């Protein structure tokens, strides 16, 4: 609609030598990602996006409180303005 939009994404990323993404883990960074979000147009040129993101890796490359894990989940909120 003019005020609400749904967004989704699915991706594959591979950086075996950790040139772009350095994790601190000796394992190569190869991961799958997906996200689902809702865009709300608050005013002309002003948008608010709320998004759930999930990443799954072949190896334990995501830092956590207990060391490294093979998955990562997050909720992101962003307010953007176009001039």
Protein backbone atom coordinates (compact mmCIF):
# COMPACT_ATOMS: atom_id res chain seq x y z
CA UNK A 1 0.00 0.00 0.00
CA UNK A 2 1.04 3.63 0.01
CA UNK A 3 1.83 3.54 3.73
CA UNK A 4 2.82 -0.09 4.50
CA UNK A 5 5.17 -2.44 2.65
CA UNK A 6 6.47 -5.95 3.32
CA UNK A 7 10.08 -6.81 2.53
CA UNK A 8 11.93 -10.11 2.43
CA UNK A 9 15.40 -11.26 1.50
CA UNK A 10 17.35 -14.52 1.21
CA UNK A 11 21.10 -14.56 0.57
CA UNK A 12 24.30 -16.61 0.54
CA UNK A 13 27.64 -15.06 1.50
CA UNK A 14 31.10 -16.63 1.38
CA UNK A 15 34.35 -15.08 2.67
CA UNK A 16 36.61 -18.10 3.40
CA UNK A 17 39.72 -15.98 4.10
CA UNK A 18 37.72 -13.49 6.24
CA UNK A 19 38.87 -10.52 4.13
CA UNK A 20 35.59 -8.57 4.43
CA UNK A 21 34.18 -10.12 7.62
CA UNK A 22 36.74 -11.02 10.31
CA UNK A 23 35.07 -13.15 13.00
CA UNK A 24 38.03 -14.02 15.20
CA UNK A 25 37.28 -17.70 14.56
CA UNK A 26 39.77 -19.83 12.59
CA UNK A 27 36.87 -21.30 10.56
CA UNK A 28 35.92 -19.87 7.13
CA UNK A 29 32.96 -17.49 6.99
CA UNK A 30 30.28 -19.05 4.77
CA UNK A 31 26.70 -18.25 5.71
CA UNK A 32 23.06 -18.12 4.65
CA UNK A 33 20.83 -15.24 5.64
CA UNK A 34 17.16 -14.37 5.58
CA UNK A 35 15.11 -11.42 6.73
CA UNK A 36 11.53 -10.28 6.88
CA UNK A 37 10.44 -6.74 7.55
CA UNK A 38 7.71 -4.15 7.52
CA UNK A 39 8.22 -0.67 6.04
CA UNK A 40 5.95 2.11 7.25
CA UNK A 41 5.87 5.41 5.35
CA UNK A 42 5.29 7.95 8.12
CA UNK A 43 5.43 11.05 5.94
CA UNK A 44 6.64 11.91 2.43
CA UNK A 45 10.35 11.02 2.45
CA UNK A 46 10.27 9.45 5.93
CA UNK A 47 10.20 5.66 6.36
CA UNK A 48 10.41 3.40 9.41
CA UNK A 49 11.61 -0.19 8.85
CA UNK A 50 11.37 -2.99 11.41
CA UNK A 51 13.11 -6.20 10.40
CA UNK A 52 13.89 -9.67 11.78
CA UNK A 53 17.20 -11.12 10.52
CA UNK A 54 18.54 -14.66 10.80
CA UNK A 55 21.91 -16.04 9.74
CA UNK A 56 23.10 -19.67 9.65
CA UNK A 57 26.69 -20.72 9.01
CA UNK A 58 28.47 -23.98 8.23
CA UNK A 59 30.86 -23.26 11.11
CA UNK A 60 30.65 -21.63 14.53
CA UNK A 61 31.73 -18.10 13.46
CA UNK A 62 29.28 -15.83 15.32
CA UNK A 63 30.63 -14.55 18.66
CA UNK A 64 28.37 -15.16 21.67
CA UNK A 65 28.62 -15.02 25.45
CA UNK A 66 29.60 -18.71 25.52
CA UNK A 67 32.17 -18.59 22.66
CA UNK A 68 31.10 -19.01 19.03
CA UNK A 69 27.83 -20.27 17.51
CA UNK A 70 26.72 -21.30 14.02
CA UNK A 71 23.66 -18.99 14.01
CA UNK A 72 22.73 -15.40 14.77
CA UNK A 73 19.34 -13.69 15.14
CA UNK A 74 18.54 -10.00 15.49
CA UNK A 75 15.74 -7.46 15.32
CA UNK A 76 16.58 -4.16 13.63
CA UNK A 77 14.68 -0.90 13.51
CA UNK A 78 15.67 2.01 11.25
CA UNK A 79 14.23 5.44 10.60
CA UNK A 80 15.25 6.93 7.24
CA UNK A 81 14.70 10.30 5.60
CA UNK A 82 15.15 11.31 1.96
CA UNK A 83 15.96 14.90 1.05
